[in-house]
């Protein structure tokens, strides 16, 4: 009876995992199929799940040197802007966030828990509430339609997440290692950068990947703060497929596949560090 219950539980578990995986993979698989299909294949009745022939013209326009579409021609600029914005936001948030997380993890000062709770409270505020004051600030500083404005906007909601993740990871690192380094004459900053940070590499990798993906996928703040090509991100440019050239589903799908490759590749390459960083920070050492 016990063995039968275990088998039923295992079947239920595997079925649930398969259903979740199917729900996650199916939309992306359909995006890839749509990107290599012709418009007639996507609008035919009944729907054709697999195209009769591959349509790679949009990939040639996006990745090649020439393009017949203004939007396709601007995708390279959007990709470059997104890469600069996401990389800059990630690096700044990792540096500032890890130092702030160390302070909340190791130091004791009045109001520490209150300040940390306030930082976490910002994660519950939707971007639509923050975008108006951010827009006013950027306008008065003359930073509208610039990459620094988007970097600052991304850091405003990525930094609290990095602080929260890294604080949990620092709590798992034994304090004895730090005390031994201080006894040997190492300064506070020397201890941080020579002892703590190397041990926190998995946590830094996990936080950095999450920060990069969030900054890369950010759409709302980029749409409001950028109206010129020099600062538009890839997500904003993809949305223009439905306004400048009608609704070109095939071109939009191809652009979506290209835009999804950097975070997907990053997550696959550093998958081990993501799991290790999140699980290690869940238990104190």
C-alpha atoms as a PDB file:
ATOM      1  CA  UNK A   1       0.000   0.000   0.000  1.00  0.00           C
ATOM      2  CA  UNK A   2       2.841   2.355   0.893  1.00  0.00           C
ATOM      3  CA  UNK A   3       4.700   1.480  -2.316  1.00  0.00           C
ATOM      4  CA  UNK A   4       1.588   2.134  -4.389  1.00  0.00           C
ATOM      5  CA  UNK A   5       1.097   5.507  -2.728  1.00  0.00           C
ATOM      6  CA  UNK A   6       4.694   6.441  -3.491  1.00  0.00           C
ATOM      7  CA  UNK A   7       4.291   5.440  -7.130  1.00  0.00           C
ATOM      8  CA  UNK A   8       1.096   7.459  -7.454  1.00  0.00           C
ATOM      9  CA  UNK A   9       2.784  10.437  -5.833  1.00  0.00           C
ATOM     10  CA  UNK A  10       5.740  10.124  -8.185  1.00  0.00           C
ATOM     11  CA  UNK A  11       3.455   9.901 -11.223  1.00  0.00           C
ATOM     12  CA  UNK A  12       1.549  12.971 -10.049  1.00  0.00           C
ATOM     13  CA  UNK A  13       4.805  14.861  -9.466  1.00  0.00           C
ATOM     14  CA  UNK A  14       6.244  13.991 -12.871  1.00  0.00           C
ATOM     15  CA  UNK A  15       2.947  14.844 -14.562  1.00  0.00           C
ATOM     16  CA  UNK A  16       2.868  18.233 -12.850  1.00  0.00           C
ATOM     17  CA  UNK A  17       6.491  18.930 -13.844  1.00  0.00           C
ATOM     18  CA  UNK A  18       5.756  17.907 -17.448  1.00  0.00           C
ATOM     19  CA  UNK A  19       2.692  20.163 -17.535  1.00  0.00           C
ATOM     20  CA  UNK A  20       4.675  23.135 -16.207  1.00  0.00           C
ATOM     21  CA  UNK A  21       7.519  22.532 -18.667  1.00  0.00           C
ATOM     22  CA  UNK A  22       5.031  22.242 -21.514  1.00  0.00           C
ATOM     23  CA  UNK A  23       3.343  25.491 -20.516  1.00  0.00           C
ATOM     24  CA  UNK A  24       6.718  27.261 -20.432  1.00  0.00           C
ATOM     25  CA  UNK A  25       8.248  25.795 -23.602  1.00  0.00           C
ATOM     26  CA  UNK A  26       5.180  25.847 -25.885  1.00  0.00           C
ATOM     27  CA  UNK A  27       4.867  29.661 -26.266  1.00  0.00           C
ATOM     28  CA  UNK A  28       8.577  30.009 -27.046  1.00  0.00           C
ATOM     29  CA  UNK A  29       8.453  27.086 -29.477  1.00  0.00           C
ATOM     30  CA  UNK A  30       5.530  28.726 -31.270  1.00  0.00           C
ATOM     31  CA  UNK A  31       7.476  32.002 -31.374  1.00  0.00           C
ATOM     32  CA  UNK A  32      10.364  30.246 -33.112  1.00  0.00           C
ATOM     33  CA  UNK A  33       8.013  28.483 -35.553  1.00  0.00           C
ATOM     34  CA  UNK A  34       6.243  31.763 -36.345  1.00  0.00           C
ATOM     35  CA  UNK A  35       9.566  33.494 -37.007  1.00  0.00           C
ATOM     36  CA  UNK A  36      10.430  31.078 -39.839  1.00  0.00           C
ATOM     37  CA  UNK A  37       6.920  30.860 -41.300  1.00  0.00           C
ATOM     38  CA  UNK A  38       5.190  32.874 -43.989  1.00  0.00           C
ATOM     39  CA  UNK A  39       2.241  35.097 -43.172  1.00  0.00           C
ATOM     40  CA  UNK A  40      -0.110  32.826 -45.121  1.00  0.00           C
ATOM     41  CA  UNK A  41       0.881  29.914 -42.866  1.00  0.00           C
ATOM     42  CA  UNK A  42      -0.041  31.849 -39.737  1.00  0.00           C
ATOM     43  CA  UNK A  43      -3.390  33.057 -41.056  1.00  0.00           C
ATOM     44  CA  UNK A  44      -4.547  29.849 -42.762  1.00  0.00           C
ATOM     45  CA  UNK A  45      -7.560  27.884 -41.524  1.00  0.00           C
ATOM     46  CA  UNK A  46      -7.002  25.283 -40.189  1.00  0.00           C
ATOM     47  CA  UNK A  47      -3.774  26.502 -38.632  1.00  0.00           C
ATOM     48  CA  UNK A  48      -0.560  24.980 -39.944  1.00  0.00           C
ATOM     49  CA  UNK A  49       1.716  24.190 -37.026  1.00  0.00           C
ATOM     50  CA  UNK A  50       4.749  23.595 -39.244  1.00  0.00           C
ATOM     51  CA  UNK A  51       5.459  25.727 -42.340  1.00  0.00           C
ATOM     52  CA  UNK A  52       5.900  24.067 -45.716  1.00  0.00           C
ATOM     53  CA  UNK A  53       9.086  26.053 -46.309  1.00  0.00           C
ATOM     54  CA  UNK A  54      11.324  28.138 -44.072  1.00  0.00           C
ATOM     55  CA  UNK A  55      11.226  31.928 -44.270  1.00  0.00           C
ATOM     56  CA  UNK A  56      14.573  33.331 -43.143  1.00  0.00           C
ATOM     57  CA  UNK A  57      14.243  36.732 -44.810  1.00  0.00           C
ATOM     58  CA  UNK A  58      13.578  38.592 -41.552  1.00  0.00           C
ATOM     59  CA  UNK A  59      16.650  37.049 -39.931  1.00  0.00           C
ATOM     60  CA  UNK A  60      18.721  38.161 -42.930  1.00  0.00           C
ATOM     61  CA  UNK A  61      17.411  41.707 -42.577  1.00  0.00           C
ATOM     62  CA  UNK A  62      17.955  41.826 -38.806  1.00  0.00           C
ATOM     63  CA  UNK A  63      21.395  40.215 -38.734  1.00  0.00           C
ATOM     64  CA  UNK A  64      22.571  41.182 -42.215  1.00  0.00           C
ATOM     65  CA  UNK A  65      23.898  44.459 -43.508  1.00  0.00           C
ATOM     66  CA  UNK A  66      20.848  45.604 -45.462  1.00  0.00           C
ATOM     67  CA  UNK A  67      17.182  45.971 -44.584  1.00  0.00           C
ATOM     68  CA  UNK A  68      14.056  47.033 -46.462  1.00  0.00           C
ATOM     69  CA  UNK A  69      12.239  47.921 -43.253  1.00  0.00           C
ATOM     70  CA  UNK A  70      12.949  50.956 -41.080  1.00  0.00           C
ATOM     71  CA  UNK A  71      12.061  48.987 -37.963  1.00  0.00           C
ATOM     72  CA  UNK A  72      14.280  46.048 -38.921  1.00  0.00           C
ATOM     73  CA  UNK A  73      17.123  48.478 -39.599  1.00  0.00           C
ATOM     74  CA  UNK A  74      16.734  49.979 -36.113  1.00  0.00           C
ATOM     75  CA  UNK A  75      16.832  46.605 -34.344  1.00  0.00           C
ATOM     76  CA  UNK A  76      20.632  46.566 -34.262  1.00  0.00           C
ATOM     77  CA  UNK A  77      20.639  49.928 -32.512  1.00  0.00           C
ATOM     78  CA  UNK A  78      18.029  48.651 -30.075  1.00  0.00           C
ATOM     79  CA  UNK A  79      20.072  45.533 -29.373  1.00  0.00           C
ATOM     80  CA  UNK A  80      23.161  47.623 -28.688  1.00  0.00           C
ATOM     81  CA  UNK A  81      21.246  50.026 -26.423  1.00  0.00           C
ATOM     82  CA  UNK A  82      19.684  47.143 -24.487  1.00  0.00           C
ATOM     83  CA  UNK A  83      23.073  45.500 -24.045  1.00  0.00           C
ATOM     84  CA  UNK A  84      24.656  48.719 -22.747  1.00  0.00           C
ATOM     85  CA  UNK A  85      21.739  49.529 -20.436  1.00  0.00           C
ATOM     86  CA  UNK A  86      21.385  45.995 -19.037  1.00  0.00           C
ATOM     87  CA  UNK A  87      25.149  45.564 -18.531  1.00  0.00           C
ATOM     88  CA  UNK A  88      25.589  48.964 -16.882  1.00  0.00           C
ATOM     89  CA  UNK A  89      22.585  48.453 -14.601  1.00  0.00           C
ATOM     90  CA  UNK A  90      23.794  44.984 -13.625  1.00  0.00           C
ATOM     91  CA  UNK A  91      27.343  46.082 -12.807  1.00  0.00           C
ATOM     92  CA  UNK A  92      26.224  49.083 -10.756  1.00  0.00           C
ATOM     93  CA  UNK A  93      23.573  47.108  -8.861  1.00  0.00           C
ATOM     94  CA  UNK A  94      26.022  44.297  -8.092  1.00  0.00           C
ATOM     95  CA  UNK A  95      28.639  46.699  -6.756  1.00  0.00           C
ATOM     96  CA  UNK A  96      26.319  48.921  -4.734  1.00  0.00           C
ATOM     97  CA  UNK A  97      23.902  46.143  -3.813  1.00  0.00           C
ATOM     98  CA  UNK A  98      26.544  43.729  -2.536  1.00  0.00           C
ATOM     99  CA  UNK A  99      28.132  46.417  -0.338  1.00  0.00           C
ATOM    100  CA  UNK A 100      24.727  47.458   1.019  1.00  0.00           C
ATOM    101  CA  UNK A 101      23.814  43.820   1.618  1.00  0.00           C
ATOM    102  CA  UNK A 102      27.053  43.322   3.542  1.00  0.00           C
ATOM    103  CA  UNK A 103      26.171  46.268   5.772  1.00  0.00           C
ATOM    104  CA  UNK A 104      22.714  44.857   6.526  1.00  0.00           C
ATOM    105  CA  UNK A 105      24.176  41.399   7.111  1.00  0.00           C
ATOM    106  CA  UNK A 106      27.192  42.170   9.280  1.00  0.00           C
ATOM    107  CA  UNK A 107      26.910  45.608  10.857  1.00  0.00           C
ATOM    108  CA  UNK A 108      24.599  46.680  13.646  1.00  0.00           C
ATOM    109  CA  UNK A 109      23.152  50.180  13.699  1.00  0.00           C
ATOM    110  CA  UNK A 110      19.966  51.836  14.861  1.00  0.00           C
ATOM    111  CA  UNK A 111      17.030  51.415  12.492  1.00  0.00           C
ATOM    112  CA  UNK A 112      18.687  48.701  10.408  1.00  0.00           C
ATOM    113  CA  UNK A 113      15.580  46.529  10.191  1.00  0.00           C
ATOM    114  CA  UNK A 114      13.392  49.544   9.459  1.00  0.00           C
ATOM    115  CA  UNK A 115      15.603  50.698   6.598  1.00  0.00           C
ATOM    116  CA  UNK A 116      15.799  47.180   5.169  1.00  0.00           C
ATOM    117  CA  UNK A 117      12.018  46.801   5.370  1.00  0.00           C
ATOM    118  CA  UNK A 118      11.608  50.106   3.548  1.00  0.00           C
ATOM    119  CA  UNK A 119      13.949  48.878   0.793  1.00  0.00           C
ATOM    120  CA  UNK A 120      11.898  45.703   0.401  1.00  0.00           C
ATOM    121  CA  UNK A 121       8.699  47.766   0.395  1.00  0.00           C
ATOM    122  CA  UNK A 122       9.777  49.376  -2.870  1.00  0.00           C
ATOM    123  CA  UNK A 123       9.482  45.960  -4.540  1.00  0.00           C
ATOM    124  CA  UNK A 124       5.727  46.029  -3.947  1.00  0.00           C
ATOM    125  CA  UNK A 125       5.280  49.336  -5.760  1.00  0.00           C
ATOM    126  CA  UNK A 126       4.325  48.961  -9.446  1.00  0.00           C
ATOM    127  CA  UNK A 127       6.399  50.810 -12.020  1.00  0.00           C
ATOM    128  CA  UNK A 128       3.383  52.847 -13.091  1.00  0.00           C
ATOM    129  CA  UNK A 129       3.430  54.535  -9.658  1.00  0.00           C
ATOM    130  CA  UNK A 130       7.119  55.431  -9.890  1.00  0.00           C
ATOM    131  CA  UNK A 131       7.318  56.433 -13.539  1.00  0.00           C
ATOM    132  CA  UNK A 132       5.784  59.917 -13.074  1.00  0.00           C
ATOM    133  CA  UNK A 133       8.324  61.142 -10.476  1.00  0.00           C
ATOM    134  CA  UNK A 134      11.124  59.434 -12.419  1.00  0.00           C
ATOM    135  CA  UNK A 135      10.022  61.218 -15.603  1.00  0.00           C
ATOM    136  CA  UNK A 136       9.885  64.597 -13.841  1.00  0.00           C
ATOM    137  CA  UNK A 137      13.341  64.096 -12.332  1.00  0.00           C
ATOM    138  CA  UNK A 138      14.878  63.016 -15.645  1.00  0.00           C
ATOM    139  CA  UNK A 139      13.206  65.925 -17.443  1.00  0.00           C
ATOM    140  CA  UNK A 140      14.590  68.503 -15.007  1.00  0.00           C
ATOM    141  CA  UNK A 141      18.043  66.936 -15.206  1.00  0.00           C
ATOM    142  CA  UNK A 142      17.914  66.972 -19.004  1.00  0.00           C
ATOM    143  CA  UNK A 143      18.358  63.208 -19.241  1.00  0.00           C
ATOM    144  CA  UNK A 144      15.282  62.304 -21.271  1.00  0.00           C
ATOM    145  CA  UNK A 145      16.016  60.211 -24.376  1.00  0.00           C
ATOM    146  CA  UNK A 146      19.411  59.205 -23.014  1.00  0.00           C
ATOM    147  CA  UNK A 147      20.860  55.878 -21.956  1.00  0.00           C
ATOM    148  CA  UNK A 148      21.832  57.108 -18.432  1.00  0.00           C
ATOM    149  CA  UNK A 149      18.160  57.843 -17.720  1.00  0.00           C
ATOM    150  CA  UNK A 150      17.196  54.243 -18.487  1.00  0.00           C
ATOM    151  CA  UNK A 151      20.112  52.914 -16.429  1.00  0.00           C
ATOM    152  CA  UNK A 152      19.021  54.975 -13.417  1.00  0.00           C
ATOM    153  CA  UNK A 153      15.400  53.898 -13.849  1.00  0.00           C
ATOM    154  CA  UNK A 154      16.371  50.223 -14.026  1.00  0.00           C
ATOM    155  CA  UNK A 155      18.607  50.499 -10.970  1.00  0.00           C
ATOM    156  CA  UNK A 156      15.753  52.028  -8.963  1.00  0.00           C
ATOM    157  CA  UNK A 157      13.893  48.693  -8.875  1.00  0.00           C
ATOM    158  CA  UNK A 158      16.734  46.198  -9.478  1.00  0.00           C
ATOM    159  CA  UNK A 159      18.941  47.411  -6.624  1.00  0.00           C
ATOM    160  CA  UNK A 160      16.508  46.408  -3.815  1.00  0.00           C
ATOM    161  CA  UNK A 161      16.273  42.901  -5.299  1.00  0.00           C
ATOM    162  CA  UNK A 162      20.052  42.528  -5.388  1.00  0.00           C
ATOM    163  CA  UNK A 163      20.333  43.765  -1.790  1.00  0.00           C
ATOM    164  CA  UNK A 164      17.747  41.224  -0.643  1.00  0.00           C
ATOM    165  CA  UNK A 165      19.363  38.294  -2.504  1.00  0.00           C
ATOM    166  CA  UNK A 166      22.918  39.123  -1.443  1.00  0.00           C
ATOM    167  CA  UNK A 167      21.959  39.722   2.195  1.00  0.00           C
ATOM    168  CA  UNK A 168      20.526  36.210   2.340  1.00  0.00           C
ATOM    169  CA  UNK A 169      23.712  34.821   0.793  1.00  0.00           C
ATOM    170  CA  UNK A 170      26.054  36.747   3.113  1.00  0.00           C
ATOM    171  CA  UNK A 171      24.143  35.322   6.063  1.00  0.00           C
ATOM    172  CA  UNK A 172      25.203  31.825   4.923  1.00  0.00           C
ATOM    173  CA  UNK A 173      28.932  32.696   5.031  1.00  0.00           C
ATOM    174  CA  UNK A 174      30.487  31.914   8.456  1.00  0.00           C
ATOM    175  CA  UNK A 175      31.554  34.990  10.389  1.00  0.00           C
ATOM    176  CA  UNK A 176      34.607  33.105  11.690  1.00  0.00           C
ATOM    177  CA  UNK A 177      36.378  33.506   8.347  1.00  0.00           C
ATOM    178  CA  UNK A 178      35.933  37.230   8.542  1.00  0.00           C
ATOM    179  CA  UNK A 179      37.127  37.410  12.142  1.00  0.00           C
ATOM    180  CA  UNK A 180      40.239  35.397  11.316  1.00  0.00           C
ATOM    181  CA  UNK A 181      41.073  37.777   8.470  1.00  0.00           C
ATOM    182  CA  UNK A 182      40.622  40.779  10.774  1.00  0.00           C
ATOM    183  CA  UNK A 183      42.917  39.182  13.363  1.00  0.00           C
ATOM    184  CA  UNK A 184      45.579  38.738  10.680  1.00  0.00           C
ATOM    185  CA  UNK A 185      45.464  42.488  10.042  1.00  0.00           C
ATOM    186  CA  UNK A 186      43.102  42.660   7.080  1.00  0.00           C
ATOM    187  CA  UNK A 187      41.000  45.813   6.912  1.00  0.00           C
ATOM    188  CA  UNK A 188      37.215  45.838   6.583  1.00  0.00           C
ATOM    189  CA  UNK A 189      37.322  46.490   2.839  1.00  0.00           C
ATOM    190  CA  UNK A 190      40.169  44.025   2.421  1.00  0.00           C
ATOM    191  CA  UNK A 191      38.054  41.379   4.119  1.00  0.00           C
ATOM    192  CA  UNK A 192      35.116  42.154   1.877  1.00  0.00           C
ATOM    193  CA  UNK A 193      36.998  41.994  -1.424  1.00  0.00           C
ATOM    194  CA  UNK A 194      39.533  39.264  -0.534  1.00  0.00           C
ATOM    195  CA  UNK A 195      37.418  36.893   1.577  1.00  0.00           C
ATOM    196  CA  UNK A 196      33.693  37.581   1.354  1.00  0.00           C
ATOM    197  CA  UNK A 197      33.276  38.410  -2.345  1.00  0.00           C
ATOM    198  CA  UNK A 198      35.187  35.358  -3.654  1.00  0.00           C
ATOM    199  CA  UNK A 199      33.077  33.115  -1.410  1.00  0.00           C
ATOM    200  CA  UNK A 200      29.921  34.891  -2.587  1.00  0.00           C
ATOM    201  CA  UNK A 201      30.628  34.295  -6.288  1.00  0.00           C
ATOM    202  CA  UNK A 202      27.584  32.007  -6.789  1.00  0.00           C
ATOM    203  CA  UNK A 203      25.340  34.565  -5.127  1.00  0.00           C
ATOM    204  CA  UNK A 204      26.804  37.375  -7.210  1.00  0.00           C
ATOM    205  CA  UNK A 205      26.313  35.325 -10.381  1.00  0.00           C
ATOM    206  CA  UNK A 206      22.691  34.540  -9.538  1.00  0.00           C
ATOM    207  CA  UNK A 207      21.911  38.148  -8.610  1.00  0.00           C
ATOM    208  CA  UNK A 208      23.694  39.441 -11.695  1.00  0.00           C
ATOM    209  CA  UNK A 209      21.770  37.152 -14.034  1.00  0.00           C
ATOM    210  CA  UNK A 210      18.443  38.145 -12.505  1.00  0.00           C
ATOM    211  CA  UNK A 211      19.422  41.828 -12.703  1.00  0.00           C
ATOM    212  CA  UNK A 212      20.480  41.511 -16.349  1.00  0.00           C
ATOM    213  CA  UNK A 213      17.289  39.705 -17.370  1.00  0.00           C
ATOM    214  CA  UNK A 214      15.069  42.255 -15.601  1.00  0.00           C
ATOM    215  CA  UNK A 215      16.915  45.190 -17.167  1.00  0.00           C
ATOM    216  CA  UNK A 216      16.905  43.536 -20.594  1.00  0.00           C
ATOM    217  CA  UNK A 217      13.164  42.855 -20.505  1.00  0.00           C
ATOM    218  CA  UNK A 218      12.121  46.216 -19.051  1.00  0.00           C
ATOM    219  CA  UNK A 219       9.623  47.870 -21.375  1.00  0.00           C
ATOM    220  CA  UNK A 220       7.453  50.407 -19.563  1.00  0.00           C
ATOM    221  CA  UNK A 221      10.168  52.767 -18.316  1.00  0.00           C
ATOM    222  CA  UNK A 222      12.017  52.520 -21.638  1.00  0.00           C
ATOM    223  CA  UNK A 223       8.822  53.399 -23.513  1.00  0.00           C
ATOM    224  CA  UNK A 224       8.171  56.496 -21.376  1.00  0.00           C
ATOM    225  CA  UNK A 225      11.735  57.794 -21.066  1.00  0.00           C
ATOM    226  CA  UNK A 226      12.914  57.241 -24.635  1.00  0.00           C
ATOM    227  CA  UNK A 227      11.365  58.547 -27.837  1.00  0.00           C
ATOM    228  CA  UNK A 228      14.400  58.701 -30.107  1.00  0.00           C
ATOM    229  CA  UNK A 229      16.334  55.873 -31.714  1.00  0.00           C
ATOM    230  CA  UNK A 230      19.555  56.709 -29.882  1.00  0.00           C
ATOM    231  CA  UNK A 231      18.072  55.527 -26.580  1.00  0.00           C
ATOM    232  CA  UNK A 232      15.329  53.055 -27.548  1.00  0.00           C
ATOM    233  CA  UNK A 233      15.730  49.488 -26.331  1.00  0.00           C
ATOM    234  CA  UNK A 234      14.963  46.347 -28.279  1.00  0.00           C
ATOM    235  CA  UNK A 235      11.661  45.793 -26.468  1.00  0.00           C
ATOM    236  CA  UNK A 236      10.408  49.254 -27.471  1.00  0.00           C
ATOM    237  CA  UNK A 237      11.470  48.818 -31.084  1.00  0.00           C
ATOM    238  CA  UNK A 238       9.735  45.439 -31.316  1.00  0.00           C
ATOM    239  CA  UNK A 239       6.492  47.067 -30.174  1.00  0.00           C
ATOM    240  CA  UNK A 240       6.695  49.422 -33.154  1.00  0.00           C
ATOM    241  CA  UNK A 241       6.075  46.560 -35.573  1.00  0.00           C
ATOM    242  CA  UNK A 242       2.372  47.037 -34.907  1.00  0.00           C
ATOM    243  CA  UNK A 243       2.400  50.780 -35.544  1.00  0.00           C
ATOM    244  CA  UNK A 244       4.841  51.642 -38.309  1.00  0.00           C
ATOM    245  CA  UNK A 245       4.469  48.623 -40.592  1.00  0.00           C
ATOM    246  CA  UNK A 246       1.107  47.290 -39.483  1.00  0.00           C
ATOM    247  CA  UNK A 247       1.028  44.005 -37.628  1.00  0.00           C
ATOM    248  CA  UNK A 248       3.831  42.011 -39.208  1.00  0.00           C
ATOM    249  CA  UNK A 249       3.624  38.872 -37.075  1.00  0.00           C
ATOM    250  CA  UNK A 250       6.497  37.080 -38.800  1.00  0.00           C
ATOM    251  CA  UNK A 251       8.920  39.987 -38.459  1.00  0.00           C
ATOM    252  CA  UNK A 252       7.810  40.559 -34.862  1.00  0.00           C
ATOM    253  CA  UNK A 253       8.395  36.885 -34.047  1.00  0.00           C
ATOM    254  CA  UNK A 254      11.853  36.935 -35.640  1.00  0.00           C
ATOM    255  CA  UNK A 255      12.783  40.055 -33.680  1.00  0.00           C
ATOM    256  CA  UNK A 256      11.431  38.440 -30.508  1.00  0.00           C
ATOM    257  CA  UNK A 257      13.615  35.371 -31.011  1.00  0.00           C
ATOM    258  CA  UNK A 258      16.720  37.511 -31.560  1.00  0.00           C
ATOM    259  CA  UNK A 259      15.904  39.653 -28.521  1.00  0.00           C
ATOM    260  CA  UNK A 260      15.389  36.585 -26.322  1.00  0.00           C
ATOM    261  CA  UNK A 261      18.718  34.953 -27.162  1.00  0.00           C
ATOM    262  CA  UNK A 262      21.051  36.954 -24.823  1.00  0.00           C
ATOM    263  CA  UNK A 263      19.130  36.289 -21.558  1.00  0.00           C
ATOM    264  CA  UNK A 264      18.349  32.689 -22.577  1.00  0.00           C
ATOM    265  CA  UNK A 265      22.001  31.930 -23.367  1.00  0.00           C
ATOM    266  CA  UNK A 266      23.117  33.686 -20.182  1.00  0.00           C
ATOM    267  CA  UNK A 267      20.693  31.660 -18.056  1.00  0.00           C
ATOM    268  CA  UNK A 268      21.708  28.369 -19.686  1.00  0.00           C
ATOM    269  CA  UNK A 269      25.450  29.010 -19.327  1.00  0.00           C
ATOM    270  CA  UNK A 270      25.225  30.098 -15.681  1.00  0.00           C
ATOM    271  CA  UNK A 271      22.409  27.762 -14.671  1.00  0.00           C
ATOM    272  CA  UNK A 272      24.615  26.041 -12.105  1.00  0.00           C
ATOM    273  CA  UNK A 273      25.463  29.326 -10.400  1.00  0.00           C
ATOM    274  CA  UNK A 274      21.818  30.384 -10.307  1.00  0.00           C
ATOM    275  CA  UNK A 275      20.764  27.230  -8.457  1.00  0.00           C
ATOM    276  CA  UNK A 276      23.817  27.235  -6.223  1.00  0.00           C
ATOM    277  CA  UNK A 277      23.459  30.914  -5.358  1.00  0.00           C
ATOM    278  CA  UNK A 278      19.767  30.744  -4.499  1.00  0.00           C
ATOM    279  CA  UNK A 279      19.918  27.504  -2.514  1.00  0.00           C
ATOM    280  CA  UNK A 280      23.097  28.394  -0.592  1.00  0.00           C
ATOM    281  CA  UNK A 281      21.595  31.665   0.530  1.00  0.00           C
ATOM    282  CA  UNK A 282      18.544  29.906   1.939  1.00  0.00           C
ATOM    283  CA  UNK A 283      20.422  28.249   4.828  1.00  0.00           C
ATOM    284  CA  UNK A 284      22.743  29.935   7.257  1.00  0.00           C
ATOM    285  CA  UNK A 285      26.169  28.353   7.632  1.00  0.00           C
END
